[in-house]
Protein backbone atom coordinates (compact mmCIF):
# COMPACT_ATOMS: atom_id res chain seq x y z
CA MET A 1 -37.91 53.83 -50.75
CA LYS A 2 -37.02 56.08 -53.60
CA LEU A 3 -37.56 54.71 -56.98
CA LYS A 4 -34.53 55.29 -59.54
CA VAL A 5 -35.39 56.69 -62.71
CA PHE A 6 -33.60 56.10 -66.07
CA PRO A 7 -33.27 58.28 -68.73
CA LEU A 8 -35.43 57.30 -71.89
CA GLY A 9 -32.46 56.40 -73.87
CA VAL A 10 -31.20 54.26 -71.41
CA LEU A 11 -34.65 52.63 -71.31
CA ALA A 12 -34.66 52.29 -75.23
CA ALA A 13 -31.08 50.62 -75.19
CA LEU A 14 -32.78 48.31 -72.83
CA GLY A 15 -35.54 46.89 -74.74
CA LEU A 16 -37.66 48.30 -71.70
CA LEU A 17 -39.75 51.35 -73.30
CA ALA A 18 -43.16 50.74 -74.34
CA CYS A 19 -44.38 52.81 -77.18
CA GLY A 20 -46.97 54.00 -74.91
CA LEU A 21 -44.50 55.93 -72.92
CA ALA A 22 -42.49 57.66 -75.77
CA PRO A 23 -43.68 61.09 -77.41
CA SER A 24 -43.27 59.62 -80.54
CA CYS A 25 -43.19 56.14 -81.40
CA PRO A 26 -43.44 54.71 -85.17
CA ALA A 27 -45.06 51.66 -86.24
CA GLN A 28 -42.93 48.79 -86.37
CA PRO A 29 -43.22 46.64 -89.62
CA ALA A 30 -44.31 43.14 -88.94
CA PRO A 31 -41.57 40.91 -89.45
CA ALA A 32 -41.44 39.43 -92.87
CA PRO A 33 -42.66 35.43 -92.67
CA LYS A 34 -39.92 33.06 -92.65
CA THR A 35 -39.83 31.24 -95.77
CA PHE A 36 -38.66 27.54 -96.67
CA ASN A 37 -38.04 26.71 -100.08
CA VAL A 38 -38.66 23.42 -100.89
CA ARG A 39 -36.11 23.33 -103.65
CA ASP A 40 -33.58 24.00 -100.63
CA PHE A 41 -34.77 20.67 -99.10
CA GLY A 42 -34.24 18.44 -102.10
CA ALA A 43 -37.35 18.85 -104.08
CA THR A 44 -36.63 18.18 -107.93
CA GLY A 45 -39.91 19.33 -109.50
CA ASP A 46 -39.24 17.01 -112.34
CA GLY A 47 -42.50 15.58 -112.48
CA THR A 48 -40.85 12.01 -112.54
CA THR A 49 -38.70 12.12 -109.18
CA LYS A 50 -40.66 11.88 -105.99
CA ASP A 51 -40.78 15.15 -104.08
CA THR A 52 -42.71 13.63 -100.87
CA ALA A 53 -39.61 13.73 -98.72
CA ALA A 54 -38.45 17.24 -99.33
CA PHE A 55 -42.08 18.58 -98.65
CA GLN A 56 -42.62 16.94 -95.97
CA LYS A 57 -38.93 18.41 -94.60
CA ALA A 58 -39.87 21.91 -95.76
CA LEU A 59 -43.31 21.91 -93.94
CA ASP A 60 -42.05 20.11 -90.53
CA ALA A 61 -39.22 22.92 -90.58
CA CYS A 62 -41.92 25.46 -90.88
CA ALA A 63 -43.89 24.53 -88.21
CA VAL A 64 -41.15 23.76 -85.80
CA SER A 65 -39.46 27.53 -86.42
CA GLY A 66 -42.77 28.84 -85.45
CA GLY A 67 -44.30 28.94 -88.87
CA GLY A 68 -44.15 30.86 -92.15
CA GLU A 69 -44.05 30.23 -95.79
CA VAL A 70 -43.20 26.96 -97.70
CA LEU A 71 -42.65 28.11 -101.02
CA VAL A 72 -43.17 26.07 -104.08
CA PRO A 73 -41.44 27.65 -107.48
CA ALA A 74 -42.62 26.56 -110.51
CA GLY A 75 -42.03 22.97 -111.47
CA HIS A 76 -43.64 19.72 -111.87
CA TYR A 77 -43.62 18.17 -108.32
CA LEU A 78 -44.68 14.25 -107.67
CA ILE A 79 -45.68 13.65 -104.19
CA GLY A 80 -47.37 11.39 -101.83
CA SER A 81 -49.60 12.48 -98.54
CA VAL A 82 -47.54 15.03 -96.32
CA GLN A 83 -48.64 16.75 -93.54
CA MET A 84 -49.03 20.52 -92.53
CA GLY A 85 -48.15 21.53 -88.90
CA ARG A 86 -49.12 24.81 -87.35
CA SER A 87 -48.64 28.25 -88.57
CA THR A 88 -47.93 27.40 -91.90
CA ILE A 89 -48.87 28.46 -95.46
CA LEU A 90 -48.19 26.32 -98.44
CA ARG A 91 -47.69 29.01 -101.36
CA LEU A 92 -47.95 27.70 -104.69
CA GLN A 93 -46.35 29.88 -106.96
CA GLN A 94 -47.12 30.30 -110.99
CA ASP A 95 -46.60 27.51 -112.82
CA SER A 96 -46.01 25.18 -110.00
CA VAL A 97 -48.19 21.85 -110.28
CA LEU A 98 -48.25 19.31 -107.46
CA THR A 99 -49.49 15.85 -108.54
CA GLY A 100 -50.43 12.95 -106.38
CA SER A 101 -48.17 9.59 -106.38
CA GLY A 102 -50.00 6.77 -107.99
CA ASP A 103 -48.50 4.46 -105.10
CA ALA A 104 -51.15 3.38 -102.58
CA ALA A 105 -47.82 3.23 -99.84
CA ASP A 106 -47.45 6.74 -100.35
CA TYR A 107 -51.16 7.35 -98.78
CA PRO A 108 -50.96 6.03 -94.82
CA MET A 109 -53.95 4.62 -93.90
CA MET A 110 -55.53 6.27 -90.88
CA ASP A 111 -58.98 6.83 -89.53
CA VAL A 112 -61.13 9.10 -91.56
CA ARG A 113 -64.43 10.62 -91.68
CA TRP A 114 -66.49 9.02 -94.85
CA GLU A 115 -70.17 9.57 -95.66
CA GLY A 116 -70.62 10.59 -92.05
CA ARG A 117 -68.92 8.03 -90.15
CA TRP A 118 -64.83 7.36 -88.52
CA GLN A 119 -63.59 4.61 -90.24
CA PRO A 120 -60.52 3.46 -91.99
CA GLY A 121 -59.04 5.12 -95.01
CA ARG A 122 -56.18 6.46 -96.93
CA ARG A 123 -54.79 9.79 -95.58
CA ALA A 124 -55.39 12.70 -97.79
CA LEU A 125 -52.80 13.98 -100.35
CA ILE A 126 -52.10 17.30 -98.22
CA TYR A 127 -53.75 16.72 -95.00
CA ALA A 128 -53.86 18.39 -91.09
CA ALA A 129 -55.05 17.84 -87.92
CA ASN A 130 -55.31 19.82 -84.66
CA VAL A 131 -53.31 22.72 -85.79
CA ASP A 132 -54.12 26.19 -86.17
CA HIS A 133 -53.46 28.91 -88.70
CA THR A 134 -52.71 26.74 -91.93
CA GLY A 135 -53.45 27.71 -95.40
CA ILE A 136 -52.38 26.94 -99.32
CA ILE A 137 -52.49 30.08 -101.40
CA GLY A 138 -52.12 30.11 -105.24
CA PRO A 139 -51.95 30.50 -108.24
CA GLY A 140 -50.46 26.81 -108.74
CA ARG A 141 -52.37 23.80 -109.26
CA ILE A 142 -52.96 20.57 -107.01
CA GLU A 143 -53.97 17.32 -109.03
CA GLY A 144 -55.32 14.25 -107.26
CA ASN A 145 -54.70 10.85 -108.46
CA PRO A 146 -57.85 9.29 -109.93
CA GLU A 147 -56.47 5.49 -109.16
CA MET A 148 -55.85 6.73 -105.61
CA ALA A 149 -58.90 8.31 -104.66
CA ALA A 150 -61.21 5.65 -106.19
CA PRO A 151 -61.40 2.80 -103.55
CA GLN A 152 -64.27 3.21 -101.48
CA ASN A 153 -63.79 0.50 -98.80
CA PRO A 154 -61.53 1.69 -97.53
CA ARG A 155 -61.71 5.18 -98.68
CA GLY A 156 -59.45 6.38 -101.06
CA ALA A 157 -57.28 9.70 -100.83
CA VAL A 158 -58.83 12.91 -101.40
CA VAL A 159 -56.70 15.82 -102.27
CA LEU A 160 -57.17 18.53 -99.21
CA GLU A 161 -58.60 17.48 -95.49
CA PRO A 162 -57.70 19.49 -92.90
CA ILE A 163 -59.12 17.57 -89.56
CA SER A 164 -60.07 19.68 -86.31
CA CYS A 165 -58.27 22.89 -87.04
CA ASN A 166 -58.85 26.45 -86.66
CA ASP A 167 -58.21 29.04 -88.94
CA VAL A 168 -57.94 27.35 -92.50
CA ARG A 169 -57.17 29.57 -95.40
CA TRP A 170 -57.14 28.44 -99.01
CA GLU A 171 -56.94 31.26 -101.74
CA GLY A 172 -56.22 31.37 -105.30
CA PHE A 173 -55.40 28.14 -106.65
CA SER A 174 -56.41 24.97 -108.80
CA VAL A 175 -57.57 21.60 -107.71
CA THR A 176 -58.47 18.74 -110.07
CA GLN A 177 -59.59 15.23 -108.65
CA GLY A 178 -61.40 12.14 -110.04
CA ARG A 179 -63.52 9.45 -108.24
CA ASN A 180 -63.59 10.89 -105.14
CA TRP A 181 -64.21 14.26 -103.27
CA ALA A 182 -61.62 17.09 -104.03
CA THR A 183 -61.63 18.76 -100.71
CA HIS A 184 -62.87 17.95 -97.20
CA PRO A 185 -62.41 19.93 -94.37
CA THR A 186 -63.81 18.00 -91.06
CA TYR A 187 -64.67 19.28 -87.66
CA CYS A 188 -62.87 22.69 -88.28
CA ALA A 189 -63.49 26.46 -87.39
CA ASP A 190 -62.95 29.85 -89.18
CA VAL A 191 -62.57 28.40 -92.56
CA GLU A 192 -61.85 30.86 -95.64
CA ILE A 193 -62.08 29.68 -99.23
CA THR A 194 -61.77 32.31 -101.80
CA ASN A 195 -61.07 32.31 -105.52
CA VAL A 196 -60.43 28.61 -105.83
CA ASN A 197 -61.03 26.67 -109.07
CA ILE A 198 -61.86 22.90 -108.55
CA GLN A 199 -62.56 20.48 -111.38
CA GLY A 200 -63.66 17.10 -110.35
CA SER A 201 -65.77 13.77 -111.11
CA ARG A 202 -67.35 13.67 -107.61
CA ASP A 203 -68.04 16.06 -104.99
CA GLY A 204 -65.75 19.58 -105.00
CA ILE A 205 -65.87 20.80 -101.61
CA ASP A 206 -67.40 18.91 -98.29
CA ILE A 207 -67.99 20.90 -95.38
CA ASP A 208 -68.40 18.37 -92.69
CA SER A 209 -69.18 19.46 -89.01
CA CYS A 210 -67.56 22.94 -89.35
CA LYS A 211 -68.33 26.08 -88.21
CA ASN A 212 -67.66 29.79 -89.35
CA VAL A 213 -66.87 28.90 -93.05
CA ARG A 214 -66.72 31.31 -96.09
CA VAL A 215 -66.84 30.12 -99.59
CA GLU A 216 -66.22 33.09 -101.93
CA GLY A 217 -65.30 33.38 -105.63
CA CYS A 218 -64.84 29.98 -106.24
CA ASP A 219 -65.33 28.20 -109.66
CA ILE A 220 -66.65 24.35 -109.30
CA ASP A 221 -67.27 22.30 -112.07
CA THR A 222 -68.29 18.60 -110.50
CA GLY A 223 -69.97 15.51 -111.38
CA ASP A 224 -71.45 15.39 -107.95
CA ASP A 225 -72.10 17.82 -105.17
CA ALA A 226 -70.09 21.23 -106.12
CA ILE A 227 -70.45 21.92 -102.43
CA SER A 228 -71.98 19.69 -99.80
CA ILE A 229 -72.99 20.51 -95.94
CA LYS A 230 -72.35 17.32 -93.73
CA SER A 231 -72.54 16.64 -89.92
CA GLY A 232 -72.89 12.65 -89.71
CA ARG A 233 -74.61 9.74 -90.01
CA GLY A 234 -77.32 7.84 -87.98
CA LEU A 235 -76.76 7.27 -84.59
CA ASN A 236 -72.81 7.71 -84.73
CA GLY A 237 -73.32 11.44 -85.92
CA ALA A 238 -76.10 12.02 -83.64
CA ARG A 239 -74.64 10.99 -80.76
CA ILE A 240 -71.35 13.39 -81.70
CA GLY A 241 -73.44 16.05 -82.43
CA LYS A 242 -71.20 18.10 -84.02
CA PRO A 243 -73.35 20.51 -86.24
CA ALA A 244 -72.11 22.12 -89.48
CA GLU A 245 -73.25 25.76 -88.94
CA ASP A 246 -72.72 29.57 -90.13
CA ILE A 247 -72.04 28.81 -93.49
CA LEU A 248 -71.93 31.59 -96.25
CA ILE A 249 -71.26 30.77 -99.87
CA SER A 250 -71.08 33.61 -102.06
CA HIS A 251 -70.08 35.04 -105.56
CA CYS A 252 -69.18 31.78 -106.69
CA ILE A 253 -70.13 29.50 -110.19
CA LEU A 254 -71.11 26.34 -109.42
CA ASN A 255 -71.76 23.88 -112.00
CA CYS A 256 -73.02 20.25 -111.17
CA ARG A 257 -72.94 17.55 -113.69
CA GLY A 258 -74.76 14.81 -112.00
CA PHE A 259 -76.37 15.81 -108.47
CA ALA A 260 -76.28 19.18 -106.80
CA CYS A 261 -74.75 22.71 -107.22
CA LEU A 262 -75.48 22.73 -103.31
CA GLY A 263 -76.33 19.21 -101.39
CA VAL A 264 -77.44 20.10 -97.84
CA GLY A 265 -76.95 16.51 -96.37
CA SER A 266 -77.62 13.64 -96.94
CA GLU A 267 -75.40 13.38 -93.32
CA ASN A 268 -77.27 15.78 -90.93
CA SER A 269 -77.08 13.74 -87.94
CA GLY A 270 -75.49 16.28 -85.86
CA GLY A 271 -77.24 19.26 -87.43
CA ILE A 272 -76.86 22.08 -90.50
CA ARG A 273 -77.55 25.41 -89.62
CA ASN A 274 -76.93 28.80 -90.76
CA VAL A 275 -76.39 28.22 -94.19
CA ARG A 276 -76.61 31.34 -96.92
CA LEU A 277 -76.17 31.10 -100.58
CA GLU A 278 -75.97 34.57 -102.25
CA HIS A 279 -74.92 36.11 -105.55
CA CYS A 280 -74.04 33.09 -107.49
CA GLN A 281 -74.67 31.85 -111.08
CA LEU A 282 -75.74 27.90 -110.82
CA SER A 283 -75.78 25.03 -113.02
CA ALA A 284 -77.40 21.65 -112.70
CA PRO A 285 -78.56 20.31 -116.34
CA ARG A 286 -79.37 16.62 -115.00
CA ALA A 287 -80.35 17.51 -111.37
CA TYR A 288 -81.25 19.79 -108.88
CA VAL A 289 -79.41 23.27 -107.84
CA VAL A 290 -80.22 23.12 -104.08
CA TYR A 291 -81.05 19.82 -102.72
CA ILE A 292 -81.68 19.90 -99.06
CA LYS A 293 -81.65 16.00 -98.66
CA THR A 294 -81.68 13.37 -95.70
CA ARG A 295 -83.73 10.15 -94.72
CA VAL A 296 -85.78 8.74 -91.65
CA GLY A 297 -83.30 7.27 -89.23
CA ARG A 298 -80.68 10.00 -89.22
CA GLY A 299 -82.72 12.54 -86.70
CA GLY A 300 -80.71 15.72 -86.92
CA TYR A 301 -82.20 19.02 -88.53
CA ASP A 302 -81.89 21.44 -91.30
CA ASP A 303 -82.50 24.86 -89.89
CA ASN A 304 -82.28 28.45 -91.37
CA ILE A 305 -80.84 27.22 -94.71
CA ALA A 306 -81.52 30.63 -97.21
CA GLY A 307 -80.54 31.35 -100.83
CA ASP A 308 -80.49 35.04 -102.28
CA ASP A 309 -79.92 37.11 -105.70
CA LEU A 310 -79.23 33.69 -107.54
CA ASP A 311 -78.90 33.06 -111.43
CA VAL A 312 -80.07 29.65 -112.44
CA THR A 313 -79.10 28.82 -116.29
CA ALA A 314 -79.99 24.88 -116.18
CA GLY A 315 -81.61 22.40 -114.20
CA SER A 316 -84.13 22.35 -111.49
CA PHE A 317 -84.00 24.81 -108.62
CA LEU A 318 -84.88 23.51 -105.21
CA HIS A 319 -85.97 20.14 -103.98
CA VAL A 320 -86.01 19.09 -100.23
CA ASN A 321 -86.24 15.80 -99.23
CA LEU A 322 -86.04 14.84 -95.44
CA ILE A 323 -87.37 11.27 -95.53
CA SER A 324 -85.72 9.57 -98.89
CA ILE A 325 -88.74 8.29 -100.62
CA GLY A 326 -88.01 4.64 -102.01
CA ASN A 327 -85.42 4.19 -99.43
CA ALA A 328 -87.23 4.96 -96.05
CA ASN A 329 -84.68 4.60 -93.49
CA THR A 330 -80.68 4.19 -92.93
CA VAL A 331 -79.68 0.67 -93.55
CA ASP A 332 -77.53 0.35 -90.07
CA ASP A 333 -77.24 2.13 -86.98
CA PRO A 334 -80.54 4.65 -86.95
CA VAL A 335 -81.57 6.79 -84.92
CA PRO A 336 -84.98 4.82 -83.24
CA GLY A 337 -88.05 5.94 -83.24
CA PRO A 338 -89.44 9.48 -83.71
CA LEU A 339 -86.10 10.81 -82.61
CA GLY A 340 -85.09 9.50 -86.29
CA ILE A 341 -87.49 11.51 -88.00
CA PRO A 342 -85.26 14.78 -89.38
CA GLU A 343 -86.53 18.13 -88.92
CA GLY A 344 -86.68 21.13 -91.28
CA ARG A 345 -87.07 24.82 -89.92
CA ASN A 346 -87.09 28.17 -91.85
CA PHE A 347 -86.23 27.30 -95.50
CA ARG A 348 -86.09 30.77 -97.70
CA PHE A 349 -85.20 31.46 -100.77
CA SER A 350 -85.51 34.87 -102.63
CA ASN A 351 -84.78 37.01 -105.47
CA ILE A 352 -83.88 33.85 -108.22
CA ARG A 353 -83.82 34.14 -111.79
CA VAL A 354 -84.32 30.41 -113.14
CA SER A 355 -84.40 28.61 -116.43
CA GLY A 356 -85.06 25.40 -116.88
CA GLY A 357 -86.94 22.47 -114.88
CA THR A 358 -88.88 21.88 -111.99
CA LEU A 359 -89.00 25.12 -109.88
CA ALA A 360 -89.59 23.81 -106.20
CA ASP A 361 -90.56 20.31 -104.92
CA VAL A 362 -90.81 20.56 -101.12
CA SER A 363 -93.00 17.47 -100.96
CA GLN A 364 -90.96 14.29 -99.32
CA ILE A 365 -91.44 15.58 -95.82
CA SER A 366 -92.90 13.54 -92.85
CA ALA A 367 -96.49 14.22 -91.93
CA ASP A 368 -95.64 13.66 -88.09
CA LYS A 369 -92.49 16.59 -88.52
CA PRO A 370 -93.66 19.13 -91.26
CA LEU A 371 -91.42 21.47 -92.28
CA GLN A 372 -91.48 24.69 -90.26
CA GLY A 373 -91.38 27.73 -92.27
CA LEU A 374 -90.76 28.29 -95.87
CA VAL A 375 -90.31 31.42 -97.66
CA LEU A 376 -90.32 31.50 -101.40
CA GLU A 377 -90.43 35.02 -103.19
CA ASN A 378 -89.43 37.14 -106.14
CA ILE A 379 -88.80 34.37 -108.43
CA THR A 380 -88.88 34.79 -112.17
CA GLY A 381 -87.87 33.35 -115.62
CA ALA A 382 -88.86 30.02 -116.90
CA CYS A 383 -89.65 26.73 -115.83
CA ALA A 384 -90.74 23.13 -116.79
CA LYS A 385 -92.71 22.57 -113.85
CA GLY A 386 -94.12 24.53 -111.11
CA ILE A 387 -94.02 24.34 -107.08
CA SER A 388 -95.33 21.12 -104.90
CA LEU A 389 -95.47 21.31 -101.56
CA GLN A 390 -96.55 18.80 -98.99
CA HIS A 391 -96.73 19.11 -95.16
CA VAL A 392 -95.57 22.55 -94.83
CA ASN A 393 -96.48 25.33 -91.95
CA ASN A 394 -96.13 28.80 -92.20
CA ALA A 395 -95.33 28.84 -96.28
CA VAL A 396 -95.08 32.30 -97.69
CA LEU A 397 -95.07 32.81 -101.38
CA ARG A 398 -94.99 36.04 -103.32
CA GLY A 399 -93.71 37.72 -106.48
CA ILE A 400 -93.61 34.37 -108.22
CA GLN A 401 -93.50 35.20 -111.86
CA VAL A 402 -92.80 32.45 -114.22
CA THR A 403 -93.53 31.04 -117.70
CA GLY A 404 -93.29 28.20 -119.92
CA PHE A 405 -94.22 25.54 -117.05
CA THR A 406 -96.75 22.57 -117.79
CA GLY A 407 -99.68 21.50 -115.49
CA PRO A 408 -100.01 23.37 -112.28
CA LEU A 409 -98.10 26.38 -110.90
CA LEU A 410 -98.88 25.08 -107.20
CA ALA A 411 -100.06 21.97 -106.23
CA THR A 412 -100.30 21.54 -101.96
CA ASN A 413 -101.26 18.97 -99.46
CA ASP A 414 -101.24 19.87 -95.71
CA VAL A 415 -99.66 23.22 -96.06
CA THR A 416 -100.48 26.27 -94.20
CA GLY A 417 -99.50 30.15 -94.58
CA SER A 418 -100.04 32.56 -97.56
CA GLY A 419 -99.92 33.01 -100.95
CA LEU A 420 -101.18 29.46 -101.64
CA ASP A 421 -104.34 30.87 -103.68
CA GLY A 422 -105.17 28.71 -106.53
CA ALA A 423 -103.38 25.96 -105.49
CA VAL A 424 -104.46 22.49 -106.69
CA LYS A 425 -104.20 19.24 -104.46
CA TYR A 426 -100.90 17.30 -104.74
CA ILE A 427 -100.95 13.80 -105.46
CA PRO A 428 -97.79 12.07 -104.42
CA PRO A 429 -96.47 9.74 -107.44
CA PRO A 430 -96.25 5.78 -106.41
CA PRO A 431 -93.25 4.47 -104.75
CA ARG A 432 -90.24 3.87 -106.94
CA GLU A 433 -90.90 0.14 -106.75
CA THR A 434 -94.65 0.31 -107.43
CA ARG A 435 -94.56 2.24 -110.87
CA LYS A 436 -95.31 0.61 -113.89
CA PRO A 437 -92.45 0.11 -116.34
CA ALA A 438 -92.72 2.11 -119.53
CA PRO A 439 -94.71 -0.14 -122.33
CA PRO A 440 -92.13 -1.34 -125.04
CA PRO A 441 -91.78 1.05 -128.43
CA ALA A 442 -93.94 -0.45 -130.77
CA PRO A 443 -92.82 -2.42 -133.44
CA ALA A 444 -91.57 -1.12 -136.79
CA PRO A 445 -93.86 -1.34 -139.65
CA GLN A 446 -92.64 -4.28 -142.02
């Protein structure tokens, strides 16, 4: 059979010519994303009229049309909870402010993940579930409503909460939140959070059973953990077994007024692994900068947790508590027996510049499951107390050059490794419930 040959011009006219067949085929620019302006859907931006319906219509039109950008011009938009769809970017222009409504009816009840368990709670101010390629781009601001965030049973509304989403992008905007977590990506993969400013009274970013997460260039100032990494609680979390893994936090400014700049746990029953904190400025005047925490009955593991090139301007640097002295078990639904004792492996911290409290307290570890691998190297500056280690195998300490501390630089118990010369015996403090109260002050002279 003889094949009919068409001229190139005919093929091009028919739209059948591939670039690879043409002698010269200029690259075609990608089509501009479709834009859906919330004003075109009825948003007023006057700060008093609820614009929830207009926002939802714009978001839905974008997703149903195959994706694009929902544009929020300058203005003050009062909204309740809205849901983002697939392939949708919410673009907040300069001087655009989204403020959460103060009406509980504007936040539907649903199953939410709260402190490691699925339970009833209020839907987030901006919510997405089971969709790919979503994001928020600034430079605008999103304000959560503290009263709607406050209830703990059921859980109040957080500000941003994507659940089971892939390719989540947040960039260049600000978030304020009071009385609850600000942002809570859950069961997500490929999450990028860059140049986001978060102010709040509780956690800034809670990374919950997510994979491949990058947090870069963010400025977070909170009353609880600036960033917290979680993976479920007790037997429920262990049964589901979704780890939080492959997480990079870099070039951030993290300030915590009450707990930790980076909290790893305490809900770690699904496992936490491959977390790296680098090139950051950290301050926790009332607590610890890095707190790796869990308790007996939660099981799980913390594996390959690293920090490098960190400036600690206030607060104690490292605290590791895998058993929670004084509150030694998960209250309900524990992982039973030896499986309920958490495991720690491969903690490494290097090139740290400290100024403040305790350098490292890595003493609250189960003797039945010692920490396997700890490296502390090239740490300089001043601290109030030195290093306490207990139940640690394969510790490596080198290049520790600090001043200003009282007591020994290093105290150990049941520790193997190198760089341990000159250590004194570590004596655990008595449990909290047996500690003697401080004596009353002496009466003032008459």
